[in-house]
Amino acid sequence: MDAAGPQVCDDMTVEVALSVMASARTGRLRVCDNDGLPTGLVTRAQLGIVRDGPGYSDRVQLRDILGDRGPHAPVAEQATYRRPSALVPAL
């Protein structure tokens, strides 16, 4: 584990990710694809917004939140949360 938090796969659901965060006592997770390549970071606050949103279901996965960003995206872009319009209402 590093400063970004535990590493998890992007097919993990939001509920499981929140449980992992609680168990690891961390506020963020490093998300990787099935090849182990980093695809972004998610925070407890971001997952809470998604979970409380009108489009949420227990099948929403981390890859649904991160969208198209992948290991070739700039690091600053990977670390920035992009609000999926279908899941989270605009504030």
C-alpha atoms as a PDB file:
ATOM      1  CA  MET A   1       0.000   0.000   0.000  1.00  0.00           C
ATOM      2  CA  ASP A   2       1.262   3.484  -0.807  1.00  0.00           C
ATOM      3  CA  ALA A   3       0.102   7.051  -0.252  1.00  0.00           C
ATOM      4  CA  ALA A   4      -2.708   6.554  -2.802  1.00  0.00           C
ATOM      5  CA  GLY A   5      -4.254   3.824  -0.675  1.00  0.00           C
ATOM      6  CA  PRO A   6      -4.920   0.173  -1.402  1.00  0.00           C
ATOM      7  CA  GLN A   7      -4.971  -0.984  -5.022  1.00  0.00           C
ATOM      8  CA  VAL A   8      -8.242  -2.475  -6.256  1.00  0.00           C
ATOM      9  CA  CYS A   9      -9.588  -3.698  -9.586  1.00  0.00           C
ATOM     10  CA  ASP A  10     -11.968  -1.487 -11.575  1.00  0.00           C
ATOM     11  CA  ASP A  11     -14.655  -4.195 -11.626  1.00  0.00           C
ATOM     12  CA  MET A  12     -15.219  -3.743  -7.880  1.00  0.00           C
ATOM     13  CA  THR A  13     -18.624  -2.342  -6.932  1.00  0.00           C
ATOM     14  CA  VAL A  14     -19.042   0.926  -5.074  1.00  0.00           C
ATOM     15  CA  GLU A  15     -20.352  -0.852  -1.961  1.00  0.00           C
ATOM     16  CA  VAL A  16     -17.376  -3.222  -1.825  1.00  0.00           C
ATOM     17  CA  ALA A  17     -14.967  -0.323  -2.417  1.00  0.00           C
ATOM     18  CA  LEU A  18     -16.488   1.586   0.504  1.00  0.00           C
ATOM     19  CA  SER A  19     -16.121  -1.525   2.662  1.00  0.00           C
ATOM     20  CA  VAL A  20     -12.457  -1.904   1.643  1.00  0.00           C
ATOM     21  CA  MET A  21     -11.841   1.741   2.530  1.00  0.00           C
ATOM     22  CA  ALA A  22     -13.438   1.303   5.934  1.00  0.00           C
ATOM     23  CA  SER A  23     -11.433  -1.856   6.644  1.00  0.00           C
ATOM     24  CA  ALA A  24      -8.165  -0.280   5.491  1.00  0.00           C
ATOM     25  CA  ARG A  25      -8.963   2.970   7.314  1.00  0.00           C
ATOM     26  CA  THR A  26      -8.173   5.019   4.242  1.00  0.00           C
ATOM     27  CA  GLY A  27     -10.027   7.711   2.337  1.00  0.00           C
ATOM     28  CA  ARG A  28      -9.022   6.719  -1.177  1.00  0.00           C
ATOM     29  CA  LEU A  29      -8.252   3.780  -3.429  1.00  0.00           C
ATOM     30  CA  ARG A  30      -5.962   3.359  -6.416  1.00  0.00           C
ATOM     31  CA  VAL A  31      -8.017   1.743  -9.172  1.00  0.00           C
ATOM     32  CA  CYS A  32      -6.372  -0.572 -11.723  1.00  0.00           C
ATOM     33  CA  ASP A  33      -7.630  -2.481 -14.745  1.00  0.00           C
ATOM     34  CA  ASN A  34      -7.461  -6.266 -15.141  1.00  0.00           C
ATOM     35  CA  ASP A  35      -3.837  -5.977 -16.307  1.00  0.00           C
ATOM     36  CA  GLY A  36      -2.851  -4.140 -13.127  1.00  0.00           C
ATOM     37  CA  LEU A  37      -2.401  -0.814 -14.922  1.00  0.00           C
ATOM     38  CA  PRO A  38      -3.616   2.218 -12.938  1.00  0.00           C
ATOM     39  CA  THR A  39      -6.773   3.871 -14.218  1.00  0.00           C
ATOM     40  CA  GLY A  40      -7.336   6.461 -11.487  1.00  0.00           C
ATOM     41  CA  LEU A  41      -8.076   7.256  -7.875  1.00  0.00           C
ATOM     42  CA  VAL A  42     -11.397   7.345  -6.059  1.00  0.00           C
ATOM     43  CA  THR A  43     -12.155   8.872  -2.676  1.00  0.00           C
ATOM     44  CA  ARG A  44     -14.726   8.010  -0.050  1.00  0.00           C
ATOM     45  CA  ALA A  45     -16.477  11.316  -0.748  1.00  0.00           C
ATOM     46  CA  GLN A  46     -16.753  10.569  -4.478  1.00  0.00           C
ATOM     47  CA  LEU A  47     -18.161   7.116  -3.838  1.00  0.00           C
ATOM     48  CA  GLY A  48     -20.624   8.562  -1.337  1.00  0.00           C
ATOM     49  CA  ILE A  49     -21.900  11.033  -3.952  1.00  0.00           C
ATOM     50  CA  VAL A  50     -22.381   8.214  -6.451  1.00  0.00           C
ATOM     51  CA  ARG A  51     -24.067   5.940  -3.897  1.00  0.00           C
ATOM     52  CA  ASP A  52     -26.491   8.688  -2.849  1.00  0.00           C
ATOM     53  CA  GLY A  53     -27.261   9.676  -6.467  1.00  0.00           C
ATOM     54  CA  PRO A  54     -30.544   8.912  -8.229  1.00  0.00           C
ATOM     55  CA  GLY A  55     -28.943   6.608 -10.831  1.00  0.00           C
ATOM     56  CA  TYR A  56     -27.199   4.370  -8.304  1.00  0.00           C
ATOM     57  CA  SER A  57     -27.666   0.605  -8.146  1.00  0.00           C
ATOM     58  CA  ASP A  58     -25.679  -2.052  -6.334  1.00  0.00           C
ATOM     59  CA  ARG A  59     -24.149  -3.029  -9.696  1.00  0.00           C
ATOM     60  CA  VAL A  60     -22.268   0.235 -10.284  1.00  0.00           C
ATOM     61  CA  GLN A  61     -18.573  -0.553 -10.633  1.00  0.00           C
ATOM     62  CA  LEU A  62     -15.550   1.675 -10.191  1.00  0.00           C
ATOM     63  CA  ARG A  63     -14.899   1.588 -13.952  1.00  0.00           C
ATOM     64  CA  ASP A  64     -18.352   3.145 -14.432  1.00  0.00           C
ATOM     65  CA  ILE A  65     -17.272   6.092 -12.297  1.00  0.00           C
ATOM     66  CA  LEU A  66     -13.845   6.528 -13.855  1.00  0.00           C
ATOM     67  CA  GLY A  67     -15.127   6.341 -17.433  1.00  0.00           C
ATOM     68  CA  ASP A  68     -12.678   6.222 -20.346  1.00  0.00           C
ATOM     69  CA  ARG A  69      -9.579   7.330 -18.468  1.00  0.00           C
ATOM     70  CA  GLY A  70      -6.835   4.775 -18.660  1.00  0.00           C
ATOM     71  CA  PRO A  71      -3.128   4.361 -18.027  1.00  0.00           C
ATOM     72  CA  HIS A  72      -2.259   6.600 -20.982  1.00  0.00           C
ATOM     73  CA  ALA A  73      -4.174   9.599 -19.650  1.00  0.00           C
ATOM     74  CA  PRO A  74      -2.109  12.360 -18.024  1.00  0.00           C
ATOM     75  CA  VAL A  75      -1.496  11.778 -14.315  1.00  0.00           C
ATOM     76  CA  ALA A  76      -3.318  14.969 -13.333  1.00  0.00           C
ATOM     77  CA  GLU A  77      -6.361  13.833 -15.318  1.00  0.00           C
ATOM     78  CA  GLN A  78      -6.300  10.395 -13.681  1.00  0.00           C
ATOM     79  CA  ALA A  79      -6.324  11.942 -10.220  1.00  0.00           C
ATOM     80  CA  THR A  80      -9.274  14.232 -11.044  1.00  0.00           C
ATOM     81  CA  TYR A  81     -12.762  12.899 -10.563  1.00  0.00           C
ATOM     82  CA  ARG A  82     -15.040  13.176 -13.588  1.00  0.00           C
ATOM     83  CA  ARG A  83     -18.710  13.279 -12.683  1.00  0.00           C
ATOM     84  CA  PRO A  84     -20.643  10.702 -14.752  1.00  0.00           C
ATOM     85  CA  SER A  85     -23.829  12.543 -15.648  1.00  0.00           C
ATOM     86  CA  ALA A  86     -25.931   9.376 -15.558  1.00  0.00           C
ATOM     87  CA  LEU A  87     -24.909   8.620 -11.966  1.00  0.00           C
ATOM     88  CA  VAL A  88     -24.407  11.944 -10.208  1.00  0.00           C
ATOM     89  CA  PRO A  89     -26.552  15.050 -10.564  1.00  0.00           C
ATOM     90  CA  ALA A  90     -24.741  18.312 -11.272  1.00  0.00           C
ATOM     91  CA  LEU A  91     -24.297  20.395  -8.143  1.00  0.00           C
END
